[in-house]
Amino acid sequence: MSRKEPKTLRVACFEDGRRKIITFKRGAYWWSAAEGAYPLSAALESIKEQGGWIETIPNPNHRARGLFGQSALDLNSSAKRKRKSGLWEGCFNFSKEIPMSMIVQPQPDRPDPSVIAAQNDAFRKLACLGVPPAQPIQGRMHVTRALMEAGDGFMAEVVKATGEFATFEPENDPEGWHDFGAVEIRGETAFWKIDLYEADSDFRYGAETPDNPASTMRVLTIMLARDW
């Protein structure tokens, strides 16, 4: 298998016995064929509103890395894979469901939310305010076309407010990652969100160790709420 699988999976659990892997597809986090939400914090909140809860389980499809950080079966395929480069418009560079018969195990190496939050804050201030971080942080900032075309300095005000945002509460930050927020400028609401990916996955897979800035690529997206 050449696909890179994360070490763990998030599972939405319900009192009626349903257990669904949370997957990301079509721009949303899905826990059933008909229910999805974005960003992840909104999906988790929706699951909790239905009386559910989240558990983290080992991914049975994950293979530990071998010598030189690769599985032997992946050497040929990864050698053929070329990394893509370049920016998309409005982007700025800085730097399935599975059977649930398995036993849920505790995750002693679960990342510290406060560490991820501090790194997300540092990257947001770097991208929006130009404040250098204490340690190198990889990432990109993407501003949607509608916000770019707003004119009259509106985008600059939204970006600045995004960098200065500090109002995090359990309602808008259930995981404590500081990865989502809303700002209001001139009566218009804008959303920002930070997604974390494996640095060498071309933005296809979520970060396996999101508290490690060396292996994590961040994407900060800023958009108008009406374009959500």
Protein backbone atom coordinates (compact mmCIF):
# COMPACT_ATOMS: atom_id res chain seq x y z
CA MET A 1 0.00 0.00 0.00
CA SER A 2 1.58 3.29 -1.08
CA ARG A 3 -0.97 5.49 0.63
CA LYS A 4 0.24 7.10 3.82
CA GLU A 5 -2.11 6.37 6.70
CA PRO A 6 -2.29 8.31 9.99
CA LYS A 7 -1.36 6.59 13.24
CA THR A 8 -4.76 7.20 14.81
CA LEU A 9 -8.38 7.75 13.77
CA ARG A 10 -11.13 9.84 15.34
CA VAL A 11 -14.35 7.93 15.97
CA ALA A 12 -17.79 9.39 16.61
CA CYS A 13 -19.51 7.23 19.24
CA PHE A 14 -23.22 7.23 20.13
CA GLU A 15 -25.23 5.63 22.92
CA ASP A 16 -27.21 3.51 20.45
CA GLY A 17 -23.99 1.67 19.57
CA ARG A 18 -23.11 3.50 16.37
CA ARG A 19 -19.38 4.07 15.89
CA LYS A 20 -18.27 5.98 12.80
CA ILE A 21 -14.82 6.95 11.61
CA ILE A 22 -14.61 10.70 11.02
CA THR A 23 -13.28 11.25 7.50
CA PHE A 24 -12.47 14.35 5.48
CA LYS A 25 -13.92 14.51 1.96
CA ARG A 26 -15.75 16.96 -0.28
CA GLY A 27 -14.60 19.84 1.93
CA ALA A 28 -16.16 18.58 5.19
CA TYR A 29 -15.61 16.17 8.09
CA TRP A 30 -18.14 13.31 7.78
CA TRP A 31 -19.25 10.78 10.42
CA SER A 32 -22.14 9.31 8.40
CA ALA A 33 -23.29 9.29 4.79
CA ALA A 34 -25.60 12.25 5.46
CA GLU A 35 -23.91 14.20 8.24
CA GLY A 36 -20.83 16.35 7.86
CA ALA A 37 -19.53 19.73 8.98
CA TYR A 38 -16.57 22.06 8.61
CA PRO A 39 -14.25 22.95 10.29
CA LEU A 40 -13.43 20.01 12.54
CA SER A 41 -14.50 21.96 15.63
CA ALA A 42 -17.99 22.36 14.12
CA ALA A 43 -18.18 18.62 13.38
CA LEU A 44 -17.20 17.75 16.94
CA GLU A 45 -19.73 20.19 18.34
CA SER A 46 -22.50 18.74 16.16
CA ILE A 47 -21.66 15.20 17.29
CA LYS A 48 -21.77 16.27 20.95
CA GLU A 49 -25.14 17.99 20.40
CA GLN A 50 -26.49 14.59 19.30
CA GLY A 51 -25.33 13.03 22.55
CA GLY A 52 -22.20 11.54 21.03
CA TRP A 53 -18.57 11.70 22.00
CA ILE A 54 -15.19 11.32 20.33
CA GLU A 55 -12.69 8.53 20.85
CA THR A 56 -9.24 8.11 19.33
CA ILE A 57 -8.23 4.63 18.20
CA PRO A 58 -5.12 3.12 16.55
CA ASN A 59 -5.36 3.00 12.76
CA PRO A 60 -5.07 -0.66 11.69
CA ASN A 61 -3.84 0.44 8.25
CA HIS A 62 -0.92 2.45 9.61
CA ARG A 63 2.54 1.02 9.11
CA ALA A 64 5.38 2.20 11.29
CA ARG A 65 8.22 3.82 9.44
CA GLY A 66 11.35 1.76 9.01
CA LEU A 67 14.93 2.70 8.25
CA PHE A 68 15.26 6.21 6.77
CA GLY A 69 11.68 6.97 7.78
CA GLN A 70 10.06 4.75 5.14
CA SER A 71 8.41 1.39 4.95
CA ALA A 72 10.34 -0.92 2.64
CA LEU A 73 7.20 -1.43 0.52
CA ASP A 74 6.96 2.32 0.00
CA LEU A 75 10.52 2.88 -1.27
CA ASN A 76 9.81 2.40 -4.97
CA SER A 77 6.55 4.34 -5.06
CA SER A 78 7.88 7.24 -3.00
CA ALA A 79 11.01 7.46 -5.12
CA LYS A 80 8.79 7.99 -8.16
CA ARG A 81 6.67 10.62 -6.48
CA LYS A 82 7.69 14.18 -7.27
CA ARG A 83 6.88 16.97 -4.91
CA LYS A 84 4.71 19.70 -6.36
CA SER A 85 5.58 23.35 -5.93
CA GLY A 86 4.03 26.76 -6.62
CA LEU A 87 1.13 28.72 -5.21
CA TRP A 88 -2.53 28.83 -6.05
CA GLU A 89 -4.27 32.17 -6.39
CA GLY A 90 -4.63 33.99 -3.10
CA CYS A 91 -2.15 31.69 -1.33
CA PHE A 92 0.99 32.87 0.43
CA ASN A 93 3.94 30.67 1.43
CA PHE A 94 5.68 30.87 4.80
CA SER A 95 8.81 28.86 5.20
CA LYS A 96 -13.93 4.79 4.72
CA GLU A 97 -15.31 3.33 7.30
CA ILE A 98 -13.69 0.18 8.82
CA PRO A 99 -14.96 -2.65 11.04
CA MET A 100 -15.14 -1.52 14.65
CA SER A 101 -14.49 -4.87 16.35
CA MET A 102 -11.09 -3.68 17.58
CA ILE A 103 -10.59 -2.68 21.20
CA VAL A 104 -10.25 1.03 21.84
CA GLN A 105 -6.88 1.65 23.44
CA PRO A 106 -5.62 4.72 25.32
CA GLN A 107 -3.19 6.93 23.45
CA PRO A 108 -0.27 7.78 25.74
CA ASP A 109 1.40 9.79 22.97
CA ARG A 110 -1.63 11.99 22.28
CA PRO A 111 -0.35 15.48 21.44
CA ASP A 112 -0.68 18.27 23.98
CA PRO A 113 -3.40 20.71 22.79
CA SER A 114 -1.63 23.64 24.45
CA VAL A 115 1.49 22.99 22.35
CA ILE A 116 -0.53 22.86 19.13
CA ALA A 117 -2.44 26.00 20.17
CA ALA A 118 0.79 27.91 20.79
CA GLN A 119 2.16 26.85 17.41
CA ASN A 120 -1.09 27.78 15.62
CA ASP A 121 -1.07 31.19 17.34
CA ALA A 122 2.56 31.75 16.37
CA PHE A 123 1.91 30.83 12.73
CA ARG A 124 -1.20 33.02 12.56
CA LYS A 125 0.77 36.01 13.90
CA LEU A 126 3.57 35.31 11.43
CA ALA A 127 1.20 35.06 8.46
CA CYS A 128 -1.06 37.98 9.38
CA LEU A 129 1.13 40.35 11.39
CA GLY A 130 4.65 39.44 10.35
CA VAL A 131 5.67 38.52 13.88
CA PRO A 132 8.61 36.04 13.74
CA PRO A 133 7.95 32.78 15.63
CA ALA A 134 10.31 31.44 18.30
CA GLN A 135 10.88 28.34 16.15
CA PRO A 136 10.47 27.68 12.41
CA ILE A 137 6.87 26.93 11.41
CA GLN A 138 5.86 25.76 7.93
CA GLY A 139 2.65 26.94 6.36
CA ARG A 140 0.62 28.85 3.82
CA MET A 141 -2.09 31.46 4.05
CA HIS A 142 -5.03 31.31 1.63
CA VAL A 143 -7.42 34.23 1.17
CA THR A 144 -10.60 33.51 -0.82
CA ARG A 145 -11.33 35.42 -4.02
CA ALA A 146 -14.39 37.21 -2.61
CA LEU A 147 -12.31 38.63 0.23
CA MET A 148 -9.50 39.63 -2.11
CA GLU A 149 -11.97 41.50 -4.31
CA ALA A 150 -13.64 43.37 -1.43
CA GLY A 151 -11.43 46.42 -1.99
CA ASP A 152 -10.99 49.60 0.05
CA GLY A 153 -8.47 47.97 2.39
CA PHE A 154 -11.09 45.57 3.74
CA MET A 155 -8.96 42.47 3.24
CA ALA A 156 -6.04 44.02 5.08
CA GLU A 157 -8.28 44.82 8.05
CA VAL A 158 -9.62 41.26 8.16
CA VAL A 159 -6.13 39.77 7.97
CA LYS A 160 -4.92 42.05 10.76
CA ALA A 161 -7.92 41.17 12.96
CA THR A 162 -7.27 37.48 12.29
CA GLY A 163 -3.70 37.83 13.52
CA GLU A 164 -4.85 39.65 16.66
CA PHE A 165 -7.72 37.25 17.47
CA ALA A 166 -7.50 35.85 21.00
CA THR A 167 -11.10 35.04 22.05
CA PHE A 168 -10.98 31.28 22.46
CA GLU A 169 -13.71 29.51 24.43
CA PRO A 170 -14.97 25.91 24.65
CA GLU A 171 -17.79 26.80 22.25
CA ASN A 172 -15.50 27.84 19.40
CA ASP A 173 -12.40 25.86 20.39
CA PRO A 174 -13.53 22.47 21.80
CA GLU A 175 -10.19 20.75 21.22
CA GLY A 176 -8.14 23.68 22.48
CA TRP A 177 -6.09 23.88 19.28
CA HIS A 178 -6.81 27.56 18.46
CA ASP A 179 -7.60 26.53 14.87
CA PHE A 180 -10.79 28.48 14.17
CA GLY A 181 -12.22 31.94 14.82
CA ALA A 182 -14.53 34.66 13.57
CA VAL A 183 -13.88 38.40 13.28
CA GLU A 184 -16.22 41.25 12.42
CA ILE A 185 -15.06 44.18 10.29
CA ARG A 186 -17.41 46.99 9.22
CA GLY A 187 -20.42 44.86 10.10
CA GLU A 188 -19.20 41.94 7.97
CA THR A 189 -18.19 38.63 9.56
CA ALA A 190 -15.18 36.70 8.34
CA PHE A 191 -14.01 33.23 9.36
CA TRP A 192 -10.48 31.92 9.63
CA LYS A 193 -9.34 28.34 10.11
CA ILE A 194 -6.06 26.46 10.33
CA ASP A 195 -5.73 22.93 8.94
CA LEU A 196 -2.72 20.73 9.71
CA TYR A 197 -1.25 18.35 7.13
CA GLU A 198 1.70 16.02 6.84
CA ALA A 199 4.43 18.21 5.36
CA ASP A 200 5.36 15.69 2.64
CA SER A 201 1.83 14.65 1.63
CA ASP A 202 0.97 17.48 -0.80
CA PHE A 203 -1.93 18.47 1.51
CA ARG A 204 -3.63 15.07 1.15
CA TYR A 205 -3.32 13.70 4.68
CA GLY A 206 -3.72 15.17 8.13
CA ALA A 207 -0.68 15.63 10.34
CA GLU A 208 0.32 12.49 12.22
CA THR A 209 2.17 14.46 14.88
CA PRO A 210 0.46 17.88 14.82
CA ASP A 211 2.61 19.14 17.70
CA ASN A 212 5.79 18.67 15.64
CA PRO A 213 6.34 21.75 13.43
CA ALA A 214 9.11 20.01 11.49
CA SER A 215 6.68 17.43 10.03
CA THR A 216 3.51 19.56 9.96
CA MET A 217 2.37 21.94 7.23
CA ARG A 218 -0.24 24.50 8.26
CA VAL A 219 -2.80 26.12 5.96
CA LEU A 220 -4.53 29.25 7.24
CA THR A 221 -7.70 30.04 5.25
CA ILE A 222 -9.54 33.35 5.62
CA MET A 223 -12.97 33.84 4.08
CA LEU A 224 -16.18 35.82 4.32
CA ALA A 225 -18.85 34.14 6.44
CA ARG A 226 -21.41 34.49 3.63
CA ASP A 227 -19.14 32.40 1.41
CA TRP A 228 -18.97 29.55 3.92
